[in-house]
Protein backbone atom coordinates (compact mmCIF):
# COMPACT_ATOMS: atom_id res chain seq x y z
CA MET A 1 -77.21 -41.94 -82.11
CA LYS A 2 -76.67 -38.29 -84.11
CA GLN A 3 -73.74 -36.64 -84.10
CA ILE A 4 -73.36 -33.41 -82.84
CA ILE A 5 -71.08 -30.64 -83.71
CA GLU A 6 -71.02 -26.80 -82.35
CA CYS A 7 -69.75 -24.05 -84.56
CA VAL A 8 -68.57 -20.66 -83.17
CA PRO A 9 -68.17 -18.14 -85.80
CA ASN A 10 -66.95 -14.54 -85.18
CA ILE A 11 -67.83 -12.02 -87.24
CA SER A 12 -65.97 -8.59 -87.50
CA GLU A 13 -69.36 -6.61 -86.86
CA GLY A 14 -70.73 -5.67 -83.23
CA ARG A 15 -72.32 -2.40 -83.74
CA ASP A 16 -74.70 -2.57 -86.37
CA GLU A 17 -77.51 -4.71 -85.59
CA ASN A 18 -79.29 -4.75 -88.97
CA VAL A 19 -76.11 -6.41 -90.30
CA ILE A 20 -75.75 -8.69 -87.54
CA LYS A 21 -79.39 -10.05 -87.89
CA GLN A 22 -78.96 -10.54 -91.52
CA ILE A 23 -75.92 -12.60 -91.14
CA THR A 24 -77.49 -14.90 -88.26
CA GLU A 25 -80.60 -15.44 -90.04
CA VAL A 26 -79.28 -17.31 -92.73
CA VAL A 27 -78.09 -19.90 -89.85
CA GLU A 28 -82.04 -20.69 -89.13
CA THR A 29 -82.77 -21.26 -92.82
CA VAL A 30 -80.99 -24.33 -92.55
CA GLU A 31 -83.05 -27.22 -91.25
CA GLY A 32 -81.56 -29.32 -88.52
CA VAL A 33 -79.45 -26.46 -87.01
CA LYS A 34 -80.09 -24.59 -83.86
CA LEU A 35 -78.89 -21.14 -83.42
CA LEU A 36 -78.01 -21.14 -79.38
CA ASP A 37 -76.15 -17.78 -79.16
CA VAL A 38 -75.71 -14.31 -80.57
CA ASP A 39 -73.11 -12.06 -78.45
CA PRO A 40 -72.08 -8.66 -79.97
CA GLY A 41 -69.65 -6.24 -78.49
CA LYS A 42 -69.66 -2.76 -79.37
CA ALA A 43 -65.91 -2.32 -78.34
CA THR A 44 -64.42 -5.12 -80.08
CA ASN A 45 -66.77 -4.69 -82.86
CA ARG A 46 -66.88 -8.26 -83.14
CA THR A 47 -69.91 -10.99 -82.44
CA VAL A 48 -69.74 -14.43 -81.13
CA ILE A 49 -72.38 -16.74 -83.07
CA THR A 50 -72.94 -20.30 -81.97
CA PHE A 51 -75.34 -23.01 -83.65
CA VAL A 52 -75.51 -26.48 -83.23
CA GLY A 53 -76.83 -29.56 -85.43
CA GLU A 54 -75.45 -32.49 -87.12
CA PRO A 55 -72.15 -32.01 -89.23
CA GLU A 56 -73.61 -31.67 -92.70
CA PRO A 57 -76.25 -29.29 -91.89
CA VAL A 58 -73.98 -27.23 -89.68
CA ILE A 59 -71.15 -26.73 -92.62
CA GLU A 60 -74.36 -25.49 -94.81
CA ALA A 61 -75.00 -23.22 -92.18
CA ALA A 62 -71.47 -22.11 -91.75
CA PHE A 63 -70.78 -21.60 -95.49
CA LEU A 64 -74.00 -19.44 -95.82
CA LEU A 65 -72.96 -17.37 -92.78
CA ILE A 66 -69.60 -16.85 -94.12
CA LYS A 67 -71.07 -15.88 -97.56
CA LYS A 68 -73.51 -13.54 -96.22
CA ALA A 69 -70.80 -11.90 -93.80
CA SER A 70 -68.46 -11.29 -96.92
CA GLU A 71 -71.43 -9.61 -98.88
CA LEU A 72 -72.05 -7.18 -95.69
CA ILE A 73 -68.83 -6.29 -94.02
CA ASP A 74 -65.97 -4.42 -95.54
CA MET A 75 -62.70 -5.05 -93.65
CA SER A 76 -61.00 -2.13 -95.28
CA LYS A 77 -63.33 0.06 -93.31
CA HIS A 78 -63.08 -2.15 -89.70
CA SER A 79 -61.92 -0.97 -86.48
CA GLY A 80 -62.21 -2.60 -83.08
CA GLU A 81 -60.26 -3.59 -79.96
CA HIS A 82 -59.97 -7.54 -80.70
CA PRO A 83 -57.29 -8.69 -83.24
CA ARG A 84 -59.27 -9.67 -86.37
CA MET A 85 -57.95 -10.38 -90.15
CA GLY A 86 -61.29 -11.14 -91.89
CA ALA A 87 -65.28 -10.67 -91.82
CA THR A 88 -65.72 -13.81 -90.67
CA ASP A 89 -62.52 -13.84 -88.36
CA VAL A 90 -62.64 -17.31 -87.24
CA CYS A 91 -64.99 -20.37 -87.93
CA PRO A 92 -64.23 -23.22 -85.60
CA LEU A 93 -65.99 -26.60 -85.22
CA VAL A 94 -66.34 -28.29 -81.91
CA PRO A 95 -67.08 -31.80 -81.35
CA ILE A 96 -69.94 -32.02 -78.95
CA ALA A 97 -71.59 -35.61 -79.07
CA ASN A 98 -70.84 -38.85 -80.91
CA ILE A 99 -68.41 -37.65 -83.16
CA SER A 100 -64.60 -37.46 -83.04
CA MET A 101 -61.79 -35.09 -83.55
CA GLU A 102 -60.78 -36.51 -86.55
CA GLU A 103 -64.16 -36.74 -88.00
CA THR A 104 -64.56 -33.01 -87.20
CA ILE A 105 -61.34 -31.89 -88.65
CA GLU A 106 -62.36 -33.64 -92.19
CA PHE A 107 -65.81 -31.24 -91.93
CA ALA A 108 -63.39 -28.31 -91.29
CA HIS A 109 -61.45 -29.14 -94.27
CA LYS A 110 -64.43 -29.77 -96.43
CA LEU A 111 -65.82 -26.18 -95.47
CA GLY A 112 -62.38 -24.42 -95.81
CA GLU A 113 -62.15 -26.05 -99.48
CA ARG A 114 -65.83 -24.88 -100.56
CA VAL A 115 -64.98 -21.46 -99.08
CA GLY A 116 -61.99 -20.94 -101.28
CA LYS A 117 -63.60 -22.78 -104.26
CA ASP A 118 -67.05 -21.24 -104.06
CA LEU A 119 -66.63 -17.85 -102.70
CA GLN A 120 -62.86 -17.20 -103.90
CA LEU A 121 -61.80 -16.21 -100.22
CA PRO A 122 -58.42 -17.03 -98.84
CA GLY A 123 -57.84 -18.54 -95.54
CA TYR A 124 -56.19 -20.99 -92.78
CA PHE A 125 -56.82 -23.99 -90.97
CA TYR A 126 -55.75 -23.75 -87.31
CA GLU A 127 -55.72 -25.65 -84.16
CA PHE A 128 -56.27 -29.76 -84.77
CA ALA A 129 -57.14 -28.79 -88.53
CA ALA A 130 -54.10 -27.23 -89.36
CA LYS A 131 -52.26 -28.92 -92.16
CA GLU A 132 -48.82 -27.78 -90.61
CA ASN A 133 -47.99 -27.35 -86.92
CA SER A 134 -46.38 -24.02 -87.70
CA ARG A 135 -50.20 -22.88 -88.40
CA LYS A 136 -52.01 -24.44 -85.61
CA ASN A 137 -51.73 -21.47 -83.42
CA LEU A 138 -54.27 -18.63 -84.28
CA ALA A 139 -52.06 -15.87 -83.18
CA VAL A 140 -49.41 -16.76 -85.46
CA ASN A 141 -51.83 -16.97 -88.64
CA ARG A 142 -53.53 -14.04 -87.53
CA ALA A 143 -50.29 -12.04 -86.76
CA GLY A 144 -50.26 -8.65 -88.69
CA GLU A 145 -54.00 -8.63 -88.81
CA TYR A 146 -56.28 -7.29 -91.72
CA GLU A 147 -53.77 -4.64 -92.19
CA GLY A 148 -50.94 -6.64 -92.68
CA LEU A 149 -52.61 -9.37 -94.80
CA ALA A 150 -51.78 -8.08 -98.47
CA LYS A 151 -47.98 -8.59 -97.56
CA LYS A 152 -48.65 -11.87 -95.75
CA ILE A 153 -50.82 -13.44 -98.91
CA ASP A 154 -47.95 -12.46 -101.47
CA SER A 155 -45.42 -13.68 -99.06
CA SER A 156 -44.38 -17.23 -98.13
CA TYR A 157 -47.41 -17.41 -95.63
CA LYS A 158 -49.71 -18.22 -98.57
CA PRO A 159 -53.60 -19.53 -97.68
CA ASP A 160 -54.33 -22.80 -97.05
CA PHE A 161 -57.41 -22.23 -99.33
CA GLY A 162 -58.33 -19.88 -101.89
CA PRO A 163 -56.62 -17.29 -104.05
CA ALA A 164 -52.93 -17.16 -103.01
CA LYS A 165 -53.24 -13.28 -104.21
CA PHE A 166 -54.75 -10.12 -102.54
CA THR A 167 -57.88 -9.66 -104.62
CA ASP A 168 -60.48 -7.31 -104.56
CA LYS A 169 -62.51 -9.61 -102.39
CA ALA A 170 -59.79 -10.37 -100.18
CA LYS A 171 -59.26 -6.52 -99.67
CA ARG A 172 -62.94 -6.33 -98.80
CA PHE A 173 -63.28 -9.56 -96.78
CA GLY A 174 -59.89 -10.27 -95.52
CA ALA A 175 -58.98 -13.82 -94.67
CA ILE A 176 -60.66 -16.48 -92.56
CA ASN A 177 -59.39 -19.36 -90.01
CA ILE A 178 -61.31 -22.18 -89.96
CA GLY A 179 -60.50 -24.92 -87.22
CA ALA A 180 -61.39 -27.88 -85.03
CA ARG A 181 -60.81 -27.33 -81.61
CA ASN A 182 -62.23 -28.64 -78.38
CA PHE A 183 -64.55 -26.79 -76.46
CA LEU A 184 -63.34 -23.16 -75.64
CA VAL A 185 -64.39 -20.71 -73.06
CA ALA A 186 -63.96 -16.82 -73.75
CA TYR A 187 -63.87 -15.07 -70.71
CA ASN A 188 -63.14 -11.58 -69.70
CA ILE A 189 -62.14 -10.33 -66.10
CA ASN A 190 -63.07 -6.96 -65.09
CA LEU A 191 -60.29 -4.81 -63.33
CA ASN A 192 -60.77 -1.40 -61.00
CA THR A 193 -58.17 0.44 -63.55
CA THR A 194 -58.04 1.93 -66.95
CA SER A 195 -54.16 0.93 -67.42
CA THR A 196 -54.00 -1.29 -70.35
CA ARG A 197 -50.57 -1.70 -69.73
CA ARG A 198 -51.13 -3.13 -66.04
CA ALA A 199 -53.89 -5.41 -67.75
CA ASN A 200 -51.76 -6.69 -70.13
CA SER A 201 -48.94 -7.36 -67.29
CA ILE A 202 -51.50 -9.59 -65.21
CA ALA A 203 -52.46 -11.24 -68.47
CA PHE A 204 -48.78 -12.23 -69.27
CA ASP A 205 -48.33 -13.31 -65.67
CA ASN A 206 -51.06 -15.85 -66.28
CA ARG A 207 -51.49 -17.10 -69.88
CA GLU A 208 -49.31 -20.07 -70.97
CA LEU A 209 -47.25 -18.12 -73.71
CA GLY A 210 -46.27 -15.61 -70.90
CA ARG A 211 -43.75 -12.85 -71.71
CA PHE A 212 -40.46 -12.14 -73.18
CA LYS A 213 -37.67 -12.41 -70.65
CA ARG A 214 -35.65 -9.31 -70.25
CA GLU A 215 -32.29 -8.06 -68.80
CA GLY A 216 -32.84 -5.87 -65.41
CA ASN A 217 -36.32 -4.05 -65.88
CA PRO A 218 -38.59 -6.70 -66.42
CA ILE A 219 -40.71 -4.24 -68.60
CA THR A 220 -38.12 -1.60 -69.93
CA GLY A 221 -34.84 -3.91 -69.93
CA LYS A 222 -33.43 -5.24 -73.33
CA LYS A 223 -35.32 -8.79 -74.29
CA VAL A 224 -32.92 -12.02 -74.05
CA LYS A 225 -32.03 -14.21 -76.64
CA ASP A 226 -30.70 -17.66 -76.60
CA GLU A 227 -27.74 -19.28 -78.33
CA ASN A 228 -29.74 -19.45 -81.84
CA GLY A 229 -30.91 -15.83 -81.70
CA ASN A 230 -34.56 -16.38 -80.62
CA PHE A 231 -36.26 -14.37 -78.01
CA VAL A 232 -36.53 -16.15 -74.57
CA ARG A 233 -39.86 -16.52 -73.06
CA GLU A 234 -40.77 -16.83 -69.39
CA PRO A 235 -43.76 -18.96 -69.35
CA GLY A 236 -47.06 -18.11 -67.61
CA LYS A 237 -48.92 -19.88 -64.92
CA LEU A 238 -51.69 -21.29 -66.58
CA LYS A 239 -51.75 -23.88 -69.36
CA SER A 240 -54.02 -23.79 -72.38
CA VAL A 241 -54.49 -20.38 -71.76
CA LYS A 242 -54.19 -17.31 -74.11
CA GLY A 243 -55.03 -13.68 -72.89
CA ILE A 244 -54.34 -10.06 -73.53
CA GLY A 245 -55.01 -6.80 -71.51
CA TRP A 246 -57.51 -4.14 -73.05
CA PHE A 247 -59.43 -0.79 -72.57
CA ILE A 248 -63.27 -1.19 -72.80
CA PRO A 249 -64.58 2.35 -73.28
CA GLU A 250 -68.33 1.08 -73.36
CA TYR A 251 -67.65 -0.01 -69.57
CA GLY A 252 -64.91 2.68 -68.67
CA VAL A 253 -62.45 -0.14 -67.22
CA ALA A 254 -59.37 -2.40 -68.42
CA GLN A 255 -60.16 -6.44 -68.89
CA ILE A 256 -58.15 -8.87 -69.21
CA SER A 257 -59.56 -11.27 -72.16
CA TYR A 258 -58.77 -14.79 -72.06
CA ASN A 259 -59.36 -17.84 -74.19
CA LEU A 260 -59.46 -20.87 -72.10
CA THR A 261 -58.48 -23.40 -75.05
CA ASP A 262 -59.16 -26.68 -72.58
CA ILE A 263 -61.28 -26.35 -69.62
CA THR A 264 -60.16 -29.69 -68.24
CA ILE A 265 -56.81 -28.17 -67.56
CA THR A 266 -57.64 -24.61 -66.89
CA THR A 267 -60.93 -23.99 -65.43
CA ILE A 268 -63.00 -21.05 -65.17
CA HIS A 269 -62.52 -20.45 -61.73
CA LYS A 270 -58.63 -21.17 -61.61
CA ALA A 271 -58.26 -18.55 -64.06
CA PHE A 272 -60.17 -16.30 -62.14
CA GLU A 273 -58.33 -16.91 -58.56
CA GLU A 274 -54.88 -16.71 -60.18
CA THR A 275 -55.92 -13.18 -61.76
CA VAL A 276 -56.81 -12.17 -58.53
CA LYS A 277 -53.63 -13.05 -56.78
CA SER A 278 -51.79 -11.09 -59.76
CA ALA A 279 -53.88 -7.94 -59.69
CA ASP A 280 -53.43 -7.76 -55.66
CA GLU A 281 -49.63 -7.81 -56.10
CA ARG A 282 -50.11 -4.85 -58.48
CA GLY A 283 -52.70 -3.43 -56.26
CA ILE A 284 -55.54 -3.70 -58.36
CA ARG A 285 -58.51 -5.41 -57.76
CA VAL A 286 -60.71 -7.87 -59.89
CA THR A 287 -64.25 -6.38 -59.61
CA GLY A 288 -66.29 -9.09 -62.09
CA SER A 289 -65.84 -11.40 -65.32
CA GLU A 290 -68.02 -11.93 -68.03
CA LEU A 291 -68.58 -14.84 -70.37
CA ILE A 292 -68.59 -14.40 -74.12
CA GLY A 293 -70.87 -16.94 -76.04
CA LEU A 294 -71.85 -20.03 -74.14
CA VAL A 295 -70.23 -22.15 -71.40
CA PRO A 296 -70.74 -25.84 -70.47
CA LEU A 297 -72.96 -26.54 -67.53
CA HIS A 298 -70.14 -28.36 -65.53
CA SER A 299 -67.71 -25.38 -65.72
CA LEU A 300 -69.90 -23.50 -63.63
CA ILE A 301 -71.19 -26.19 -61.43
CA ASP A 302 -67.23 -27.00 -60.81
CA ALA A 303 -66.91 -23.19 -59.92
CA GLY A 304 -69.76 -23.05 -57.59
CA LYS A 305 -68.62 -26.19 -55.86
CA TYR A 306 -64.99 -24.80 -55.66
CA PHE A 307 -66.11 -21.59 -54.01
CA LEU A 308 -68.59 -23.50 -51.59
CA LYS A 309 -65.60 -25.75 -50.29
CA LYS A 310 -64.05 -22.43 -49.59
CA GLN A 311 -66.61 -21.35 -47.34
CA ASN A 312 -66.85 -24.80 -45.79
CA ARG A 313 -70.07 -25.25 -47.22
CA SER A 314 -72.20 -28.14 -48.29
CA VAL A 315 -72.05 -28.81 -52.03
CA GLY A 316 -74.95 -30.98 -51.92
CA ILE A 317 -77.54 -28.42 -53.31
CA SER A 318 -79.46 -27.97 -56.58
CA ASP A 319 -77.69 -27.25 -59.64
CA ALA A 320 -79.44 -23.74 -59.55
CA GLU A 321 -78.12 -22.87 -56.17
CA ILE A 322 -74.56 -24.04 -57.01
CA ILE A 323 -74.80 -21.96 -60.44
CA LYS A 324 -75.95 -18.93 -57.99
CA ILE A 325 -73.03 -19.09 -56.15
CA ALA A 326 -70.61 -19.30 -59.26
CA VAL A 327 -72.25 -16.31 -60.66
CA LYS A 328 -71.76 -14.18 -57.74
CA SER A 329 -68.20 -15.54 -56.72
CA LEU A 330 -67.05 -14.66 -60.33
CA GLY A 331 -69.10 -11.67 -60.70
CA LEU A 332 -70.50 -12.65 -63.92
CA ASP A 333 -73.35 -10.18 -63.21
CA GLU A 334 -71.09 -7.14 -62.57
CA LEU A 335 -71.82 -5.92 -66.44
CA ALA A 336 -74.99 -7.13 -67.27
CA PRO A 337 -77.33 -9.56 -65.69
CA PHE A 338 -76.40 -13.36 -65.89
CA ASN A 339 -79.13 -15.66 -67.35
CA PRO A 340 -78.12 -19.29 -66.82
CA GLN A 341 -81.08 -20.34 -69.47
CA GLU A 342 -79.32 -18.31 -72.07
CA LYS A 343 -75.60 -18.48 -71.09
CA ILE A 344 -75.42 -22.40 -70.67
CA ILE A 345 -75.15 -24.67 -73.36
CA GLU A 346 -77.28 -27.79 -71.83
CA TYR A 347 -79.94 -25.42 -71.25
CA LYS A 348 -80.20 -23.63 -74.30
CA MET A 349 -80.02 -26.79 -76.45
CA THR A 350 -83.40 -27.91 -74.79
CA GLN A 351 -85.18 -24.31 -74.85
CA GLY A 352 -88.40 -24.74 -77.12
CA GLY A 353 -88.90 -28.30 -76.66
CA GLU A 354 -91.96 -30.10 -75.06
CA LYS A 355 -92.57 -29.31 -71.27
CA GLN A 356 -91.57 -32.05 -69.10
CA LEU A 357 -93.48 -32.83 -65.94
CA ILE A 358 -90.59 -31.80 -63.58
CA ASP A 359 -90.62 -28.30 -65.47
CA MET A 360 -94.20 -27.65 -63.92
CA ASN A 361 -95.05 -26.08 -60.60
CA LEU A 362 -97.06 -28.24 -57.94
CA THR A 363 -100.28 -27.07 -58.60
CA GLU A 364 -99.83 -27.89 -62.54
CA PHE A 365 -98.11 -31.55 -61.69
CA ALA A 366 -101.21 -32.07 -59.44
CA TYR A 367 -103.73 -31.24 -62.01
CA GLU A 368 -101.81 -32.96 -64.70
CA THR A 369 -101.94 -36.10 -62.51
CA ALA A 370 -105.85 -35.73 -61.53
CA SER A 371 -106.58 -35.05 -65.54
CA GLU A 372 -108.33 -37.74 -67.62
CA SER A 373 -104.86 -38.01 -69.20
CA PRO A 374 -103.56 -41.64 -68.02
CA ALA A 375 -100.05 -40.40 -67.73
CA PRO A 376 -98.28 -39.26 -65.42
CA GLY A 377 -99.33 -42.73 -63.45
CA GLY A 378 -98.31 -44.53 -60.46
CA GLY A 379 -94.95 -44.91 -61.93
CA SER A 380 -94.22 -41.38 -62.11
CA ILE A 381 -95.90 -40.50 -58.87
CA SER A 382 -93.61 -43.18 -57.17
CA ALA A 383 -90.52 -41.80 -58.66
CA TYR A 384 -91.65 -38.35 -57.36
CA VAL A 385 -92.36 -39.21 -53.98
CA GLY A 386 -89.14 -40.65 -53.88
CA SER A 387 -87.37 -37.55 -54.82
CA LEU A 388 -89.26 -35.80 -52.12
CA GLY A 389 -88.03 -38.32 -49.49
CA VAL A 390 -84.39 -38.19 -50.58
CA SER A 391 -84.86 -34.51 -50.59
CA LEU A 392 -85.77 -34.51 -46.72
CA GLY A 393 -82.68 -36.65 -46.18
CA THR A 394 -80.57 -34.20 -48.14
CA MET A 395 -81.94 -31.34 -46.14
CA VAL A 396 -81.16 -32.63 -42.98
CA ALA A 397 -77.63 -33.28 -44.26
CA ASN A 398 -77.26 -29.86 -45.11
CA LEU A 399 -78.70 -28.37 -41.93
CA SER A 400 -76.35 -30.61 -39.88
CA SER A 401 -73.23 -29.03 -41.99
CA HIS A 402 -74.53 -25.65 -40.79
CA LYS A 403 -75.16 -26.61 -37.15
CA ALA A 404 -72.97 -24.35 -34.70
CA GLY A 405 -70.48 -26.14 -33.11
CA TRP A 406 -70.48 -28.96 -35.76
CA ASP A 407 -68.36 -26.83 -37.86
CA ASP A 408 -65.74 -29.62 -38.39
CA ARG A 409 -67.86 -31.78 -39.75
CA TRP A 410 -69.03 -29.80 -42.66
CA GLU A 411 -67.26 -32.11 -44.92
CA GLU A 412 -68.53 -35.14 -43.26
CA PHE A 413 -72.36 -33.87 -43.85
CA SER A 414 -71.66 -32.16 -47.29
CA TYR A 415 -70.74 -35.86 -48.49
CA TRP A 416 -74.28 -37.18 -47.46
CA ALA A 417 -75.96 -34.00 -49.06
CA GLU A 418 -74.07 -34.40 -52.30
CA LYS A 419 -74.51 -38.30 -52.14
CA GLY A 420 -78.37 -37.13 -51.62
CA GLN A 421 -78.60 -34.72 -54.28
CA ALA A 422 -77.29 -37.33 -57.07
CA TYR A 423 -80.13 -39.58 -56.05
CA ASN A 424 -82.43 -36.68 -56.03
CA ASP A 425 -81.83 -35.71 -59.60
CA LYS A 426 -81.81 -39.34 -60.57
CA LEU A 427 -85.57 -39.94 -59.51
CA LEU A 428 -86.35 -36.44 -61.03
CA LYS A 429 -85.22 -37.65 -64.40
CA LEU A 430 -87.48 -41.10 -63.75
CA VAL A 431 -90.48 -38.98 -63.41
CA ASP A 432 -90.64 -38.34 -67.08
CA GLU A 433 -89.08 -41.63 -68.37
CA ASP A 434 -91.91 -43.62 -66.70
CA THR A 435 -94.30 -41.58 -68.42
CA ASN A 436 -92.21 -41.85 -71.60
CA ALA A 437 -92.15 -45.44 -71.15
CA PHE A 438 -96.04 -45.69 -71.08
CA ASN A 439 -96.07 -43.44 -74.24
CA LYS A 440 -94.17 -45.70 -75.94
CA ILE A 441 -96.12 -48.33 -75.26
CA MET A 442 -99.33 -46.65 -76.71
CA ASP A 443 -97.58 -45.46 -79.83
CA ALA A 444 -96.66 -49.17 -80.52
CA ILE A 445 -99.96 -50.49 -80.15
CA ARG A 446 -101.07 -47.94 -82.36
CA LEU A 447 -98.86 -49.15 -85.55
CA SER A 448 -100.54 -50.58 -88.40
CA LYS A 449 -101.31 -54.30 -88.27
CA GLY A 450 -102.45 -54.78 -91.98
CA SER A 451 -100.31 -57.21 -93.16
CA ASN A 452 -98.19 -59.86 -91.65
CA GLU A 453 -95.04 -57.95 -91.71
CA GLU A 454 -96.85 -54.79 -90.27
CA LYS A 455 -98.11 -57.20 -87.75
CA ALA A 456 -94.60 -58.40 -87.12
CA ILE A 457 -93.15 -54.83 -86.50
CA ARG A 458 -95.85 -54.06 -84.29
CA LYS A 459 -95.41 -57.17 -82.37
CA GLN A 460 -91.71 -56.25 -81.82
CA ALA A 461 -92.30 -52.47 -81.15
CA ILE A 462 -94.82 -53.48 -78.43
CA ASP A 463 -92.44 -55.92 -76.93
CA ASN A 464 -89.56 -53.21 -76.89
CA ALA A 465 -91.98 -50.85 -75.42
CA THR A 466 -93.06 -53.15 -72.72
CA LYS A 467 -89.47 -53.96 -71.76
CA TYR A 468 -88.69 -50.26 -71.43
CA ALA A 469 -91.83 -49.92 -69.35
CA ILE A 470 -90.85 -52.84 -66.98
CA GLU A 471 -87.12 -51.64 -66.59
CA THR A 472 -88.01 -48.13 -66.10
CA PRO A 473 -90.04 -48.53 -62.56
CA PHE A 474 -87.67 -51.05 -61.83
CA LYS A 475 -84.91 -48.20 -62.08
CA VAL A 476 -87.16 -46.34 -59.78
CA MET A 477 -87.27 -49.03 -56.97
CA LYS A 478 -83.27 -49.53 -57.09
CA THR A 479 -82.65 -45.55 -56.86
CA ALA A 480 -85.49 -45.04 -54.14
CA TYR A 481 -83.99 -48.00 -51.87
CA GLU A 482 -80.35 -47.15 -52.49
CA SER A 483 -81.41 -43.46 -51.44
CA MET A 484 -82.30 -44.70 -47.95
CA ASP A 485 -78.76 -44.81 -46.90
CA VAL A 486 -78.72 -41.24 -46.33
CA MET A 487 -81.96 -41.16 -44.53
CA LYS A 488 -80.77 -43.87 -42.12
CA ALA A 489 -77.38 -41.62 -42.02
CA MET A 490 -79.33 -39.01 -41.01
CA VAL A 491 -81.35 -40.18 -38.27
CA GLU A 492 -78.31 -41.75 -36.77
CA ILE A 493 -75.69 -38.94 -36.97
CA GLY A 494 -77.69 -35.81 -38.48
CA ASN A 495 -79.09 -32.73 -36.65
CA PRO A 496 -81.31 -34.07 -33.81
CA ASN A 497 -83.93 -31.41 -34.57
CA SER A 498 -84.38 -32.73 -37.88
CA VAL A 499 -84.52 -36.63 -37.25
CA THR A 500 -88.44 -36.43 -38.06
CA ASP A 501 -87.46 -34.91 -41.41
CA ALA A 502 -85.08 -37.83 -42.42
CA GLY A 503 -87.63 -40.65 -40.90
CA VAL A 504 -90.48 -39.24 -43.09
CA GLY A 505 -88.20 -39.05 -46.08
CA ALA A 506 -87.84 -42.88 -45.26
CA LEU A 507 -91.55 -43.21 -45.60
CA CYS A 508 -91.61 -41.73 -48.99
CA ALA A 509 -88.69 -44.09 -50.21
CA ARG A 510 -90.67 -47.08 -49.13
CA THR A 511 -93.92 -45.87 -50.81
CA ALA A 512 -91.54 -45.32 -54.09
CA VAL A 513 -90.17 -48.79 -53.80
CA ILE A 514 -93.83 -50.06 -53.08
CA GLY A 515 -95.47 -48.17 -55.88
CA ALA A 516 -92.86 -48.53 -58.36
CA PHE A 517 -93.05 -52.66 -58.00
CA MET A 518 -96.64 -52.50 -58.64
CA ASN A 519 -95.80 -50.97 -61.75
CA VAL A 520 -93.26 -53.67 -62.54
CA LYS A 521 -95.49 -56.12 -61.92
CA ILE A 522 -98.52 -55.12 -64.26
CA ASN A 523 -96.25 -54.67 -66.97
CA CYS A 524 -94.58 -57.73 -66.66
CA ALA A 525 -98.23 -59.70 -66.96
CA GLY A 526 -98.32 -58.58 -70.57
CA PHE A 527 -94.84 -59.49 -71.53
CA ASP A 528 -94.27 -63.15 -73.20
CA ASP A 529 -90.68 -63.80 -72.28
CA LYS A 530 -91.45 -65.82 -68.70
CA THR A 531 -87.78 -66.29 -68.10
CA TYR A 532 -87.33 -62.34 -68.38
CA VAL A 533 -90.50 -61.78 -66.08
CA ASP A 534 -89.63 -64.11 -63.36
CA GLN A 535 -86.02 -62.71 -62.98
CA MET A 536 -87.45 -58.82 -63.01
CA ILE A 537 -89.98 -60.08 -60.40
CA ALA A 538 -87.43 -61.79 -58.31
CA LYS A 539 -85.16 -58.80 -58.21
CA ALA A 540 -87.65 -56.49 -57.77
CA GLN A 541 -89.44 -58.49 -54.95
CA ASP A 542 -85.87 -58.73 -53.08
CA ILE A 543 -85.61 -55.04 -53.08
CA GLU A 544 -89.18 -54.42 -51.68
CA ASN A 545 -88.25 -56.73 -49.05
CA LYS A 546 -85.10 -55.12 -48.04
CA THR A 547 -86.58 -51.69 -48.41
CA ILE A 548 -89.46 -52.56 -45.70
CA VAL A 549 -86.86 -54.07 -43.29
CA LEU A 550 -84.81 -50.73 -43.78
CA GLU A 551 -87.74 -48.66 -43.27
CA ALA A 552 -88.40 -50.24 -40.15
CA GLU A 553 -85.09 -49.78 -38.49
CA ILE A 554 -85.12 -46.17 -39.67
CA ILE A 555 -88.23 -45.55 -37.87
CA LYS A 556 -87.14 -47.16 -35.04
CA ILE A 557 -83.97 -45.01 -34.57
CA THR A 558 -86.32 -42.11 -35.14
CA ASN A 559 -88.60 -42.80 -32.63
CA GLU A 560 -85.92 -43.58 -29.98
CA LYS A 561 -84.34 -40.03 -30.93
CA ILE A 562 -87.81 -38.36 -30.12
CA GLY A 563 -87.80 -40.08 -26.88
CA LEU A 564 -91.65 -40.33 -26.62
């Protein structure tokens, strides 16, 4: 499996579109790298760039970006609201798939050494890539910013790579921070005030670093020192959170700018809620928020479910609906439209790929099925019918959670709705997986068979593809059968006005099971491993038998509830 890393360089230019375009274009020249997002900020005069790929191509793209930024950005003329010390201010690498943090650190060091040697630019390693614990914190490395860099380089705070003196290149470029870190979410919260001081005060309440402890007045009082003469800090409420307050002329409001450095510890919605509390204590209202760069899908799903549960509403709905709740609850669309396809990393990574069956509308899907193409066939249709069946059961659960007089039962029905939605998602994926299985067989059959070696390779490929084509409809059978638990529960305890919907759902599930079994059998017919075939047929037959019995039970209950 491919190793995938993400690179999120921040360049110190957010106003000149031509400069930004020239810098980001070099990323797209590297084969195997996908540019996911370019997010400029005029007030901060900073652009967050996000791209992904396998490690070596990503390192090459990062190097070219840093080089181009050094040619186009003059830090001696730069100003902006965000702390910065270089034309490419930070360049973190983030492990995404099949790669460890230790391996990611090695690539960060490799990039830094190349930047220092080939470009003669100074820089520091930070976060997990730091070679000294004292340099792990980006804020420490960046203290004094660009304006204090000459003194820093000439002092004991020597760069980790590149010239250890303030050269002409350093005067123009500044210095870069190259790191390896977990997925970081840059998250700004909007306030109905123009006061930077009050925004900072709220940020200090919540960021992990907190604020200095003072005698008497918490704002103007004398800073307290410990026995070693170090200033004492009062930690904030949120772990793995950095934050400051600033005023954004572009919007005419103050914001709190957070970096959520570990969203498994402090989630987006937790940062939002704690900020709301702190703001309220000061007579300030949170009006919305914005995400800078990309965000993992689960972050918005978790946020949407959090707010749904606060409203005593079912969480067993589609991801799209959950995300809509998250966007509205967090006010992510206050300053600009929020497009999930452009802001969620998983969605962005799949853009530009081949259109999937489940991406089609109903008419397109029906016409594609009716066309002369042999796929989608019975297996994909069985999976889709199964998804429609459990969708009906899930609908009854959601309707029941909203039924007047049943308010105290919303969690009970939300459980069933969420369970049904999970089955639904799985069956929808199997719609395309079944068609992919058929295509794998066709691809294997088309392989060359000129020599004995080629015949052996072709035979093995056909066997592998056939086994995949047997196991895929078997998954449809198993999932569709298991989903009937939802329909059975809903005909028994769900909204009685919707009992027939759950009953029809059971009919669909039975169709999915029997239809998928036909595909298991026909694919088994051409497979040489008879022991494997006998085992699969026996397991599939058992599922079909149990499905028929369960369907009859559900229909009996449904008819009894109808009362005719």
